[in-house]
Amino acid sequence: MMKRQRGVALSGLIIWGVVIGLVAVLAMRVVPSVAEYYKILKDAKATVNKMGPDSTVADVKRTFNNFAVIDNIDFKAEDLDISKEGGKIVVAFDYDKRIPLFGNVSLVINYKGTTAE
C-alpha cells in the first residue's frame, strides 16, 4: 500500500510568496493615502463644528489649515469647496492621489468627501 504525499510544491510556494508580497506592497502604499483622506475629512468636520453661522470663507480656510498643520497633512484649504446650505457651512473636497507602485506603473485613487449630512 502506497501512502499519498501531501504538502506544497516549491513552485507553488514561490508563486504564493510572490502574490502575497505584491499584495503587501500594495497595502503598504495605499494605507497611508487612505489614512490621509480620513484625516482631511475629520479636519473638515472639526472646522465646520468650530465655525459659527456668520463665519467667512477666510475664517474657514484659516481654521482648516490650523487643523491640517496639527495632523501633518499636505492638503491645503485652497482645495476645499466651501458653501452654505440652509444656513450651515458645508465643506467638500475632491482630489486625485497618484501612488507610484513600480517602474512607470501608478495607482490613481479619487477621493471625495463632504461635511453635509
C-alpha atoms as a PDB file:
ATOM      1  CA  MET A   1       0.000   0.000   0.000  1.00  0.00           C
ATOM      2  CA  MET A   2       1.426   3.319  -1.062  1.00  0.00           C
ATOM      3  CA  LYS A   3       0.995   6.439   1.053  1.00  0.00           C
ATOM      4  CA  ARG A   4      -0.051   9.624  -0.676  1.00  0.00           C
ATOM      5  CA  GLN A   5       2.245  12.558  -0.220  1.00  0.00           C
ATOM      6  CA  ARG A   6       0.807  15.819   0.980  1.00  0.00           C
ATOM      7  CA  GLY A   7       2.262  19.288   1.037  1.00  0.00           C
ATOM      8  CA  VAL A   8       3.127  22.229  -1.103  1.00  0.00           C
ATOM      9  CA  ALA A   9       5.434  22.052  -4.068  1.00  0.00           C
ATOM     10  CA  LEU A  10       8.298  24.529  -4.207  1.00  0.00           C
ATOM     11  CA  SER A  11       6.873  26.174  -7.341  1.00  0.00           C
ATOM     12  CA  GLY A  12       3.521  26.686  -5.623  1.00  0.00           C
ATOM     13  CA  LEU A  13       5.250  28.128  -2.586  1.00  0.00           C
ATOM     14  CA  ILE A  14       7.186  30.597  -4.765  1.00  0.00           C
ATOM     15  CA  ILE A  15       4.063  31.685  -6.676  1.00  0.00           C
ATOM     16  CA  TRP A  16       2.088  32.259  -3.471  1.00  0.00           C
ATOM     17  CA  GLY A  17       5.051  34.093  -1.960  1.00  0.00           C
ATOM     18  CA  VAL A  18       5.140  36.485  -4.930  1.00  0.00           C
ATOM     19  CA  VAL A  19       1.358  37.059  -4.781  1.00  0.00           C
ATOM     20  CA  ILE A  20       1.423  37.731  -1.039  1.00  0.00           C
ATOM     21  CA  GLY A  21       4.445  40.025  -1.477  1.00  0.00           C
ATOM     22  CA  LEU A  22       2.702  42.087  -4.182  1.00  0.00           C
ATOM     23  CA  VAL A  23      -0.454  42.427  -2.068  1.00  0.00           C
ATOM     24  CA  ALA A  24       1.653  43.501   0.930  1.00  0.00           C
ATOM     25  CA  VAL A  25       3.495  46.150  -1.126  1.00  0.00           C
ATOM     26  CA  LEU A  26       0.184  47.459  -2.492  1.00  0.00           C
ATOM     27  CA  ALA A  27      -1.275  47.660   1.017  1.00  0.00           C
ATOM     28  CA  MET A  28       1.814  49.472   2.361  1.00  0.00           C
ATOM     29  CA  ARG A  29       1.487  52.084  -0.403  1.00  0.00           C
ATOM     30  CA  VAL A  30      -2.308  52.572  -0.219  1.00  0.00           C
ATOM     31  CA  VAL A  31      -2.946  52.578   3.556  1.00  0.00           C
ATOM     32  CA  PRO A  32      -1.160  55.932   4.228  1.00  0.00           C
ATOM     33  CA  SER A  33      -3.200  57.558   1.451  1.00  0.00           C
ATOM     34  CA  VAL A  34      -6.482  56.297   2.909  1.00  0.00           C
ATOM     35  CA  ALA A  35      -5.416  57.447   6.390  1.00  0.00           C
ATOM     36  CA  GLU A  36      -4.695  60.915   4.973  1.00  0.00           C
ATOM     37  CA  TYR A  37      -8.187  61.029   3.394  1.00  0.00           C
ATOM     38  CA  TYR A  38      -9.799  60.274   6.756  1.00  0.00           C
ATOM     39  CA  LYS A  39      -7.664  62.963   8.435  1.00  0.00           C
ATOM     40  CA  ILE A  40      -8.816  65.511   5.842  1.00  0.00           C
ATOM     41  CA  LEU A  41     -12.455  64.528   6.374  1.00  0.00           C
ATOM     42  CA  LYS A  42     -12.030  64.705  10.173  1.00  0.00           C
ATOM     43  CA  ASP A  43     -10.397  68.137   9.932  1.00  0.00           C
ATOM     44  CA  ALA A  44     -13.157  69.408   7.621  1.00  0.00           C
ATOM     45  CA  LYS A  45     -15.835  68.247  10.070  1.00  0.00           C
ATOM     46  CA  ALA A  46     -13.960  69.754  13.021  1.00  0.00           C
ATOM     47  CA  THR A  47     -13.662  73.041  11.119  1.00  0.00           C
ATOM     48  CA  VAL A  48     -17.400  73.156  10.404  1.00  0.00           C
ATOM     49  CA  ASN A  49     -18.225  72.339  14.039  1.00  0.00           C
ATOM     50  CA  LYS A  50     -15.950  75.149  15.254  1.00  0.00           C
ATOM     51  CA  MET A  51     -17.324  77.792  12.864  1.00  0.00           C
ATOM     52  CA  GLY A  52     -20.342  79.944  13.620  1.00  0.00           C
ATOM     53  CA  PRO A  53     -23.064  80.732  11.083  1.00  0.00           C
ATOM     54  CA  ASP A  54     -21.581  84.159  10.350  1.00  0.00           C
ATOM     55  CA  SER A  55     -18.040  82.882   9.626  1.00  0.00           C
ATOM     56  CA  THR A  56     -16.379  83.921   6.386  1.00  0.00           C
ATOM     57  CA  VAL A  57     -14.657  81.693   3.837  1.00  0.00           C
ATOM     58  CA  ALA A  58     -11.303  83.079   5.000  1.00  0.00           C
ATOM     59  CA  ASP A  59     -12.127  82.044   8.595  1.00  0.00           C
ATOM     60  CA  VAL A  60     -12.999  78.531   7.475  1.00  0.00           C
ATOM     61  CA  LYS A  61      -9.801  78.203   5.427  1.00  0.00           C
ATOM     62  CA  ARG A  62      -7.634  79.521   8.242  1.00  0.00           C
ATOM     63  CA  THR A  63      -9.188  77.115  10.750  1.00  0.00           C
ATOM     64  CA  PHE A  64      -8.837  74.159   8.378  1.00  0.00           C
ATOM     65  CA  ASN A  65      -5.173  74.995   7.752  1.00  0.00           C
ATOM     66  CA  ASN A  66      -4.590  75.065  11.521  1.00  0.00           C
ATOM     67  CA  PHE A  67      -6.108  71.586  11.864  1.00  0.00           C
ATOM     68  CA  ALA A  68      -4.072  70.381   8.852  1.00  0.00           C
ATOM     69  CA  VAL A  69      -0.828  71.589  10.450  1.00  0.00           C
ATOM     70  CA  ILE A  70      -1.677  69.735  13.666  1.00  0.00           C
ATOM     71  CA  ASP A  71      -2.446  66.498  11.758  1.00  0.00           C
ATOM     72  CA  ASN A  72       0.605  66.957   9.499  1.00  0.00           C
ATOM     73  CA  ILE A  73      -1.239  66.664   6.175  1.00  0.00           C
ATOM     74  CA  ASP A  74      -0.261  68.307   2.888  1.00  0.00           C
ATOM     75  CA  PHE A  75      -3.821  69.109   1.811  1.00  0.00           C
ATOM     76  CA  LYS A  76      -4.431  72.869   1.737  1.00  0.00           C
ATOM     77  CA  ALA A  77      -7.632  74.820   2.356  1.00  0.00           C
ATOM     78  CA  GLU A  78      -7.426  76.324  -1.149  1.00  0.00           C
ATOM     79  CA  ASP A  79      -8.557  72.917  -2.465  1.00  0.00           C
ATOM     80  CA  LEU A  80     -11.767  72.969  -0.413  1.00  0.00           C
ATOM     81  CA  ASP A  81     -15.201  73.840  -1.808  1.00  0.00           C
ATOM     82  CA  ILE A  82     -16.865  75.930   0.901  1.00  0.00           C
ATOM     83  CA  SER A  83     -20.556  76.804   0.685  1.00  0.00           C
ATOM     84  CA  LYS A  84     -23.626  77.382   2.845  1.00  0.00           C
ATOM     85  CA  GLU A  85     -26.680  75.156   2.698  1.00  0.00           C
ATOM     86  CA  GLY A  86     -29.635  76.009   4.876  1.00  0.00           C
ATOM     87  CA  GLY A  87     -27.592  78.467   6.915  1.00  0.00           C
ATOM     88  CA  LYS A  88     -24.976  75.813   7.707  1.00  0.00           C
ATOM     89  CA  ILE A  89     -21.421  75.816   6.374  1.00  0.00           C
ATOM     90  CA  VAL A  90     -20.635  72.838   4.143  1.00  0.00           C
ATOM     91  CA  VAL A  91     -17.085  71.884   3.221  1.00  0.00           C
ATOM     92  CA  ALA A  92     -16.442  69.486   0.333  1.00  0.00           C
ATOM     93  CA  PHE A  93     -13.320  68.257  -1.414  1.00  0.00           C
ATOM     94  CA  ASP A  94     -12.452  66.156  -4.441  1.00  0.00           C
ATOM     95  CA  TYR A  95      -8.892  65.205  -5.331  1.00  0.00           C
ATOM     96  CA  ASP A  96      -6.840  62.510  -7.037  1.00  0.00           C
ATOM     97  CA  LYS A  97      -3.944  60.768  -5.336  1.00  0.00           C
ATOM     98  CA  ARG A  98      -1.304  59.155  -7.554  1.00  0.00           C
ATOM     99  CA  ILE A  99       0.573  56.327  -5.847  1.00  0.00           C
ATOM    100  CA  PRO A 100       3.668  55.055  -7.693  1.00  0.00           C
ATOM    101  CA  LEU A 101       3.878  51.269  -7.484  1.00  0.00           C
ATOM    102  CA  PHE A 102       6.888  50.215  -9.562  1.00  0.00           C
ATOM    103  CA  GLY A 103       8.569  51.485 -12.699  1.00  0.00           C
ATOM    104  CA  ASN A 104       6.122  53.603 -14.634  1.00  0.00           C
ATOM    105  CA  VAL A 105       3.050  51.936 -13.083  1.00  0.00           C
ATOM    106  CA  SER A 106       0.936  54.042 -10.731  1.00  0.00           C
ATOM    107  CA  LEU A 107      -2.375  53.674  -8.951  1.00  0.00           C
ATOM    108  CA  VAL A 108      -4.725  56.681  -9.052  1.00  0.00           C
ATOM    109  CA  ILE A 109      -7.412  56.976  -6.378  1.00  0.00           C
ATOM    110  CA  ASN A 110     -10.127  59.655  -6.499  1.00  0.00           C
ATOM    111  CA  TYR A 111     -11.121  60.814  -3.022  1.00  0.00           C
ATOM    112  CA  LYS A 112     -14.327  62.777  -2.411  1.00  0.00           C
ATOM    113  CA  GLY A 113     -15.674  63.978   0.885  1.00  0.00           C
ATOM    114  CA  THR A 114     -18.181  66.398   2.321  1.00  0.00           C
ATOM    115  CA  THR A 115     -19.416  67.565   5.697  1.00  0.00           C
ATOM    116  CA  ALA A 116     -23.047  67.624   4.519  1.00  0.00           C
ATOM    117  CA  GLU A 117     -25.111  65.025   6.316  1.00  0.00           C
END
